[in-house]
C-alpha atoms as a PDB file:
ATOM      1  CA  MET A   1       1.360  -1.114  20.106  1.00  0.00           C
ATOM      2  CA  ASN A   2      -1.348   0.528  21.237  1.00  0.00           C
ATOM      3  CA  THR A   3      -2.675   3.880  19.880  1.00  0.00           C
ATOM      4  CA  LEU A   4      -2.161   6.243  22.666  1.00  0.00           C
ATOM      5  CA  THR A   5       1.505   4.682  22.889  1.00  0.00           C
ATOM      6  CA  LYS A   6       2.057   5.352  19.474  1.00  0.00           C
ATOM      7  CA  MET A   7       0.599   8.935  19.717  1.00  0.00           C
ATOM      8  CA  ALA A   8       3.022   9.652  22.954  1.00  0.00           C
ATOM      9  CA  LEU A   9       5.872   8.451  20.774  1.00  0.00           C
ATOM     10  CA  GLY A  10       5.181  10.309  17.617  1.00  0.00           C
ATOM     11  CA  LEU A  11       4.701  13.781  19.427  1.00  0.00           C
ATOM     12  CA  ILE A  12       8.434  13.448  21.054  1.00  0.00           C
ATOM     13  CA  GLY A  13       9.372  12.085  17.353  1.00  0.00           C
ATOM     14  CA  GLN A  14      10.227   8.737  18.876  1.00  0.00           C
ATOM     15  CA  LEU A  15       7.902   6.449  16.490  1.00  0.00           C
ATOM     16  CA  ARG A  16      10.389   4.239  14.764  1.00  0.00           C
ATOM     17  CA  PRO A  17      10.505   0.797  12.698  1.00  0.00           C
ATOM     18  CA  GLU A  18      11.030  -2.499  14.073  1.00  0.00           C
ATOM     19  CA  PRO A  19      13.680  -4.413  12.788  1.00  0.00           C
ATOM     20  CA  ALA A  20      12.899  -6.861  10.019  1.00  0.00           C
ATOM     21  CA  THR A  21      12.121 -10.714  10.435  1.00  0.00           C
ATOM     22  CA  GLY A  22      13.071 -13.050   7.807  1.00  0.00           C
ATOM     23  CA  ASP A  23      14.876 -12.924   4.805  1.00  0.00           C
ATOM     24  CA  ALA A  24      14.898  -9.788   2.154  1.00  0.00           C
ATOM     25  CA  ALA A  25      16.117  -9.736  -1.736  1.00  0.00           C
ATOM     26  CA  SER A  26      17.278  -6.774  -3.223  1.00  0.00           C
ATOM     27  CA  THR A  27      14.548  -7.641  -5.909  1.00  0.00           C
ATOM     28  CA  THR A  28      11.494  -9.923  -5.579  1.00  0.00           C
ATOM     29  CA  HIS A  29      10.193 -11.265  -8.913  1.00  0.00           C
ATOM     30  CA  LEU A  30       6.517 -11.478  -8.660  1.00  0.00           C
ATOM     31  CA  PRO A  31       4.581 -14.490 -10.265  1.00  0.00           C
ATOM     32  CA  PRO A  32       2.417 -12.851 -13.004  1.00  0.00           C
ATOM     33  CA  ALA A  33      -0.969 -11.775 -11.627  1.00  0.00           C
ATOM     34  CA  ASN A  34      -3.949 -13.993 -12.441  1.00  0.00           C
ATOM     35  CA  THR A  35      -6.117 -11.514 -14.674  1.00  0.00           C
ATOM     36  CA  ALA A  36      -8.799 -13.760 -15.321  1.00  0.00           C
ATOM     37  CA  GLY A  37     -11.986 -14.933 -13.123  1.00  0.00           C
ATOM     38  CA  GLY A  38     -13.100 -13.328 -10.154  1.00  0.00           C
ATOM     39  CA  LEU A  39     -16.455 -12.094  -8.954  1.00  0.00           C
ATOM     40  CA  PRO A  40     -18.662 -10.127 -11.244  1.00  0.00           C
ATOM     41  CA  LEU A  41     -17.894  -6.290 -10.693  1.00  0.00           C
ATOM     42  CA  MET A  42     -21.533  -5.613  -9.579  1.00  0.00           C
ATOM     43  CA  GLN A  43     -20.977  -8.323  -6.737  1.00  0.00           C
ATOM     44  CA  VAL A  44     -17.526  -7.067  -6.032  1.00  0.00           C
ATOM     45  CA  LEU A  45     -19.198  -3.426  -5.455  1.00  0.00           C
ATOM     46  CA  ALA A  46     -22.186  -5.172  -3.016  1.00  0.00           C
ATOM     47  CA  GLN A  47     -19.305  -6.660  -1.238  1.00  0.00           C
ATOM     48  CA  ARG A  48     -16.693  -3.638  -0.770  1.00  0.00           C
ATOM     49  CA  GLN A  49     -16.472  -2.708   2.715  1.00  0.00           C
ATOM     50  CA  SER A  50     -13.388  -1.348   5.272  1.00  0.00           C
ATOM     51  CA  LEU A  51     -12.559  -4.138   7.912  1.00  0.00           C
ATOM     52  CA  ARG A  52     -10.201  -3.381  10.830  1.00  0.00           C
ATOM     53  CA  GLU A  53      -9.234  -6.906  12.204  1.00  0.00           C
ATOM     54  CA  PHE A  54      -6.837  -9.243  10.607  1.00  0.00           C
ATOM     55  CA  ASP A  55      -5.446 -12.227  10.692  1.00  0.00           C
ATOM     56  CA  PRO A  56      -1.385 -12.135  11.084  1.00  0.00           C
ATOM     57  CA  ALA A  57      -0.684 -15.005   8.467  1.00  0.00           C
ATOM     58  CA  PRO A  58       1.401 -13.955   5.623  1.00  0.00           C
ATOM     59  CA  LEU A  59      -0.557 -13.293   2.046  1.00  0.00           C
ATOM     60  CA  PRO A  60       0.689 -15.912  -0.749  1.00  0.00           C
ATOM     61  CA  GLU A  61       3.067 -14.628  -2.747  1.00  0.00           C
ATOM     62  CA  GLN A  62       0.875 -14.984  -6.133  1.00  0.00           C
ATOM     63  CA  THR A  63      -2.184 -12.936  -3.985  1.00  0.00           C
ATOM     64  CA  LEU A  64       0.339 -10.181  -3.383  1.00  0.00           C
ATOM     65  CA  SER A  65       1.131 -10.248  -6.880  1.00  0.00           C
ATOM     66  CA  ASP A  66      -2.176  -9.931  -7.971  1.00  0.00           C
ATOM     67  CA  LEU A  67      -2.988  -7.229  -5.109  1.00  0.00           C
ATOM     68  CA  LEU A  68      -0.208  -4.781  -6.217  1.00  0.00           C
ATOM     69  CA  TRP A  69      -1.236  -5.348  -9.831  1.00  0.00           C
ATOM     70  CA  ALA A  70      -4.999  -4.531  -9.417  1.00  0.00           C
ATOM     71  CA  ALA A  71      -3.253  -1.570  -7.293  1.00  0.00           C
ATOM     72  CA  ALA A  72      -1.009  -0.233 -10.065  1.00  0.00           C
ATOM     73  CA  GLY A  73      -0.344  -2.746 -12.298  1.00  0.00           C
ATOM     74  CA  ILE A  74       0.317  -2.617 -16.436  1.00  0.00           C
ATOM     75  CA  ASN A  75      -2.964  -3.547 -17.951  1.00  0.00           C
ATOM     76  CA  ARG A  76      -2.256  -2.235 -21.423  1.00  0.00           C
ATOM     77  CA  PRO A  77       1.393  -3.336 -22.473  1.00  0.00           C
ATOM     78  CA  LEU A  78       1.887  -1.910 -25.794  1.00  0.00           C
ATOM     79  CA  LEU A  79       0.477   1.495 -24.388  1.00  0.00           C
ATOM     80  CA  GLY A  80       2.420   1.197 -20.582  1.00  0.00           C
ATOM     81  CA  GLY A  81      -1.122   1.591 -19.650  1.00  0.00           C
ATOM     82  CA  ARG A  82      -2.266   0.979 -15.689  1.00  0.00           C
ATOM     83  CA  THR A  83      -4.865   0.116 -13.976  1.00  0.00           C
ATOM     84  CA  ALA A  84      -5.300   3.454 -12.098  1.00  0.00           C
ATOM     85  CA  PRO A  85      -5.620   6.813 -14.059  1.00  0.00           C
ATOM     86  CA  SER A  86      -2.474   9.397 -13.635  1.00  0.00           C
ATOM     87  CA  ALA A  87      -2.976  13.300 -15.129  1.00  0.00           C
ATOM     88  CA  MET A  88      -0.749  13.566 -17.846  1.00  0.00           C
ATOM     89  CA  ASN A  89       0.447  10.122 -17.561  1.00  0.00           C
ATOM     90  CA  ALA A  90       3.022  11.165 -15.159  1.00  0.00           C
ATOM     91  CA  GLN A  91       2.311   8.277 -12.820  1.00  0.00           C
ATOM     92  CA  GLU A  92       3.296  10.159  -9.990  1.00  0.00           C
ATOM     93  CA  VAL A  93       2.047   8.113  -7.268  1.00  0.00           C
ATOM     94  CA  ASP A  94       4.123   4.899  -6.084  1.00  0.00           C
ATOM     95  CA  VAL A  95       2.916   1.930  -4.029  1.00  0.00           C
ATOM     96  CA  TYR A  96       5.331   1.115  -1.115  1.00  0.00           C
ATOM     97  CA  ALA A  97       4.820  -2.468   0.413  1.00  0.00           C
ATOM     98  CA  ALA A  98       5.308  -2.992   4.360  1.00  0.00           C
ATOM     99  CA  LEU A  99       5.971  -6.516   5.421  1.00  0.00           C
ATOM    100  CA  PRO A 100       7.877  -7.999   8.304  1.00  0.00           C
ATOM    101  CA  ASN A 101      11.074  -9.095   6.102  1.00  0.00           C
ATOM    102  CA  GLY A 102      11.418  -5.369   5.058  1.00  0.00           C
ATOM    103  CA  LEU A 103      10.031  -1.873   3.254  1.00  0.00           C
ATOM    104  CA  TYR A 104       9.519  -2.445  -0.578  1.00  0.00           C
ATOM    105  CA  ARG A 105       8.683  -0.441  -3.382  1.00  0.00           C
ATOM    106  CA  TYR A 106       6.316  -1.829  -6.259  1.00  0.00           C
ATOM    107  CA  VAL A 107       7.817  -1.538  -9.895  1.00  0.00           C
ATOM    108  CA  ALA A 108       4.728  -1.908 -12.310  1.00  0.00           C
ATOM    109  CA  SER A 109       7.071  -1.861 -15.344  1.00  0.00           C
ATOM    110  CA  SER A 110       8.867  -5.140 -13.971  1.00  0.00           C
ATOM    111  CA  HIS A 111       5.859  -6.321 -11.776  1.00  0.00           C
ATOM    112  CA  THR A 112       8.732  -6.270  -8.998  1.00  0.00           C
ATOM    113  CA  LEU A 113       9.245  -5.466  -5.310  1.00  0.00           C
ATOM    114  CA  HIS A 114      12.503  -3.665  -4.752  1.00  0.00           C
ATOM    115  CA  LEU A 115      13.587  -3.567  -1.471  1.00  0.00           C
ATOM    116  CA  VAL A 116      13.786  -0.048   0.346  1.00  0.00           C
ATOM    117  CA  SER A 117      15.352  -1.046   3.976  1.00  0.00           C
ATOM    118  CA  THR A 118      15.208  -4.065   5.659  1.00  0.00           C
ATOM    119  CA  ILE A 119      13.110  -2.803   8.524  1.00  0.00           C
ATOM    120  CA  ASP A 120       9.680  -3.569   9.259  1.00  0.00           C
ATOM    121  CA  ALA A 121       7.970  -0.748   8.915  1.00  0.00           C
ATOM    122  CA  ARG A 122       4.223  -1.688   9.443  1.00  0.00           C
ATOM    123  CA  ARG A 123       4.053  -0.041  13.138  1.00  0.00           C
ATOM    124  CA  VAL A 124       4.774   3.574  11.224  1.00  0.00           C
ATOM    125  CA  THR A 125       2.129   3.171   8.923  1.00  0.00           C
ATOM    126  CA  GLY A 126      -0.750   4.464  11.015  1.00  0.00           C
ATOM    127  CA  TYR A 127      -1.390   5.094  14.571  1.00  0.00           C
ATOM    128  CA  GLN A 128      -4.167   2.596  15.059  1.00  0.00           C
ATOM    129  CA  ASP A 129      -3.117  -0.770  16.651  1.00  0.00           C
ATOM    130  CA  PHE A 130      -3.957  -3.218  13.937  1.00  0.00           C
ATOM    131  CA  VAL A 131      -1.213  -2.178  11.535  1.00  0.00           C
ATOM    132  CA  ASP A 132       1.241  -3.743  13.648  1.00  0.00           C
ATOM    133  CA  THR A 133       0.604  -6.999  13.345  1.00  0.00           C
ATOM    134  CA  ALA A 134      -1.343  -7.121   9.986  1.00  0.00           C
ATOM    135  CA  PRO A 135       0.660  -9.209   6.955  1.00  0.00           C
ATOM    136  CA  LEU A 136       0.552  -6.162   4.688  1.00  0.00           C
ATOM    137  CA  ASP A 137       0.491  -2.284   4.875  1.00  0.00           C
ATOM    138  CA  LEU A 138       0.332  -0.661   1.708  1.00  0.00           C
ATOM    139  CA  VAL A 139       1.797   3.174   1.602  1.00  0.00           C
ATOM    140  CA  PHE A 140       0.759   5.579  -1.388  1.00  0.00           C
ATOM    141  CA  VAL A 141       3.427   8.077  -1.557  1.00  0.00           C
ATOM    142  CA  ALA A 142       3.686  11.202  -4.404  1.00  0.00           C
ATOM    143  CA  ASP A 143       6.410  12.049  -6.313  1.00  0.00           C
ATOM    144  CA  TYR A 144       6.072  15.694  -7.460  1.00  0.00           C
ATOM    145  CA  ALA A 145       9.256  15.849  -9.279  1.00  0.00           C
ATOM    146  CA  ARG A 146       7.583  13.614 -12.337  1.00  0.00           C
ATOM    147  CA  MET A 147       4.756  16.367 -12.307  1.00  0.00           C
ATOM    148  CA  LYS A 148       6.454  18.994 -14.639  1.00  0.00           C
ATOM    149  CA  LEU A 149       3.549  18.863 -17.125  1.00  0.00           C
ATOM    150  CA  VAL A 150       0.865  19.795 -14.052  1.00  0.00           C
ATOM    151  CA  PRO A 151       0.431  23.455 -12.726  1.00  0.00           C
ATOM    152  CA  ALA A 152       1.949  23.353  -9.333  1.00  0.00           C
ATOM    153  CA  ALA A 153      -1.138  24.562  -8.005  1.00  0.00           C
ATOM    154  CA  GLN A 154      -2.914  21.202  -8.992  1.00  0.00           C
ATOM    155  CA  ARG A 155      -0.269  18.698  -8.516  1.00  0.00           C
ATOM    156  CA  GLU A 156      -1.246  17.797  -5.086  1.00  0.00           C
ATOM    157  CA  SER A 157      -4.766  17.306  -6.025  1.00  0.00           C
ATOM    158  CA  TYR A 158      -4.016  15.293  -9.076  1.00  0.00           C
ATOM    159  CA  ALA A 159      -1.936  13.194  -6.663  1.00  0.00           C
ATOM    160  CA  TRP A 160      -4.677  12.663  -4.322  1.00  0.00           C
ATOM    161  CA  ALA A 161      -7.073  11.589  -7.098  1.00  0.00           C
ATOM    162  CA  ALA A 162      -4.285   8.913  -8.313  1.00  0.00           C
ATOM    163  CA  ALA A 163      -3.976   7.469  -5.035  1.00  0.00           C
ATOM    164  CA  GLY A 164      -7.496   6.981  -4.340  1.00  0.00           C
ATOM    165  CA  ALA A 165      -8.253   5.163  -7.545  1.00  0.00           C
ATOM    166  CA  MET A 166      -5.439   2.681  -6.595  1.00  0.00           C
ATOM    167  CA  ALA A 167      -6.669   2.251  -3.084  1.00  0.00           C
ATOM    168  CA  GLN A 168     -10.157   1.406  -4.713  1.00  0.00           C
ATOM    169  CA  ASN A 169      -8.684  -0.987  -6.992  1.00  0.00           C
ATOM    170  CA  VAL A 170      -7.353  -2.553  -3.594  1.00  0.00           C
ATOM    171  CA  TYR A 171     -10.755  -2.631  -1.655  1.00  0.00           C
ATOM    172  CA  LEU A 172     -12.401  -4.519  -5.162  1.00  0.00           C
ATOM    173  CA  TYR A 173      -9.516  -6.862  -5.613  1.00  0.00           C
ATOM    174  CA  CYS A 174      -9.972  -7.791  -1.557  1.00  0.00           C
ATOM    175  CA  ALA A 175     -13.661  -7.995  -2.016  1.00  0.00           C
ATOM    176  CA  SER A 176     -13.304 -10.098  -5.149  1.00  0.00           C
ATOM    177  CA  ALA A 177     -10.605 -12.441  -3.126  1.00  0.00           C
ATOM    178  CA  GLY A 178     -12.188 -12.529   0.178  1.00  0.00           C
ATOM    179  CA  LEU A 179      -9.470 -10.527   1.876  1.00  0.00           C
ATOM    180  CA  ALA A 180     -10.100  -7.448   4.517  1.00  0.00           C
ATOM    181  CA  THR A 181      -8.821  -3.992   4.108  1.00  0.00           C
ATOM    182  CA  VAL A 182      -9.080  -0.262   5.050  1.00  0.00           C
ATOM    183  CA  ILE A 183      -7.866   2.646   3.622  1.00  0.00           C
ATOM    184  CA  ARG A 184      -6.004   5.338   6.360  1.00  0.00           C
ATOM    185  CA  ALA A 185      -4.941   9.018   6.595  1.00  0.00           C
ATOM    186  CA  TRP A 186      -3.850   8.954  10.430  1.00  0.00           C
ATOM    187  CA  ILE A 187      -0.627   8.662   9.921  1.00  0.00           C
ATOM    188  CA  ASP A 188       2.228  10.025  11.694  1.00  0.00           C
ATOM    189  CA  ARG A 189       3.575  11.526   8.251  1.00  0.00           C
ATOM    190  CA  GLY A 190       7.144  12.676   9.336  1.00  0.00           C
ATOM    191  CA  ALA A 191       8.493   9.236  11.001  1.00  0.00           C
ATOM    192  CA  LEU A 192       7.074   7.267   7.576  1.00  0.00           C
ATOM    193  CA  ALA A 193       8.659   9.604   5.467  1.00  0.00           C
ATOM    194  CA  GLN A 194      11.567   9.122   7.501  1.00  0.00           C
ATOM    195  CA  ALA A 195      11.244   5.444   7.238  1.00  0.00           C
ATOM    196  CA  LEU A 196      10.953   5.521   3.752  1.00  0.00           C
ATOM    197  CA  GLY A 197      13.847   7.723   2.681  1.00  0.00           C
ATOM    198  CA  LEU A 198      11.674  10.407   1.216  1.00  0.00           C
ATOM    199  CA  ASN A 199      12.983  13.405  -0.425  1.00  0.00           C
ATOM    200  CA  ASN A 200      11.496  17.114  -0.418  1.00  0.00           C
ATOM    201  CA  GLU A 201       9.614  16.325  -3.491  1.00  0.00           C
ATOM    202  CA  GLN A 202       7.879  13.207  -2.056  1.00  0.00           C
ATOM    203  CA  GLN A 203       4.852  13.362   0.024  1.00  0.00           C
ATOM    204  CA  VAL A 204       2.622  10.289   2.049  1.00  0.00           C
ATOM    205  CA  LEU A 205      -0.796  10.500   0.980  1.00  0.00           C
ATOM    206  CA  LEU A 206      -2.415   7.183   2.350  1.00  0.00           C
ATOM    207  CA  SER A 207      -1.731   3.923   3.495  1.00  0.00           C
ATOM    208  CA  GLN A 208      -4.005   0.874   3.238  1.00  0.00           C
ATOM    209  CA  THR A 209      -4.077  -2.479   5.569  1.00  0.00           C
ATOM    210  CA  VAL A 210      -4.523  -5.792   3.650  1.00  0.00           C
ATOM    211  CA  GLY A 211      -4.930  -9.027   4.805  1.00  0.00           C
ATOM    212  CA  ARG A 212      -7.083 -12.352   5.621  1.00  0.00           C
ATOM    213  CA  PRO A 213     -10.649 -11.493   7.863  1.00  0.00           C
ATOM    214  CA  LYS A 214      -9.353 -12.201  11.436  1.00  0.00           C
ATOM    215  CA  ILE A 215     -11.721 -15.088  12.455  1.00  0.00           C
ATOM    216  CA  VAL A 216     -13.515 -14.546  15.807  1.00  0.00           C
ATOM    217  CA  ALA A 217     -13.697 -17.512  17.864  1.00  0.00           C
ATOM    218  CA  LEU A 218     -17.583 -17.893  19.262  1.00  0.00           C
ATOM    219  CA  PRO A 219     -18.013 -18.129  22.962  1.00  0.00           C
END
C-alpha cells in the first residue's frame, strides 16, 4: 500500500492490519542470543546508517533472537540488568515485533515472544510503503504505569530516552550483522495503538524496520 493511500485511510480512521499468514504459537522460545563475536565497536559505528529498501525474505530465528536481545535483553542475569538503560530501573518500554504471522511482545526475562494478536500489523507501523513488506517492524511502547517512582512531568522524556537507546542498540547490531534498518516516528499512532490493544497508560513511541538490504539489479 502506498503512502498516500495510507494517509487517506488514516485520516478517516480506516488504516487497518491485514490477516496474518502462517502459523503463530502463543509463546515462541527464542534460541539463546549469540553474544560473542561481531564487528569491533568503532567499525560498527562507522557503518551505522539508515536504509529504507528491504529484502522481504524472513529473518532467521537466530538473527531475531540476537536482535531482540541487543535491543532490550538481559545482559547481567544476577541483577536483571538490560542492554539499554531505564530510569530507576522502571523498564517502562516494551518492544513489540510485527511479523507476517502475528504481532508479538518481547519478554526479556524469558527471552521469548508472546503472541498479542494473529494479525499482520506491519502496514500500520508507519506511513512509508516499505513497512508493509519488510520482514520485521519493531514498535517501542511506553507503559507509564511502571513509572510510579518517576515524577509525572518527567515520565515521557525518560521513556523516549530509553526507546532511543534501544533503537540505537538495534542500529549497532544491524551494522555488525550486515542488516538494513531505519527508525521511524511518522506513524498513525491511533491505528497502531488499537492494533496493539494498548490502554490509556501506554503510548506508542517509535517504530523501526529491519531486514536484509534489498539488492538492486544492475541494468
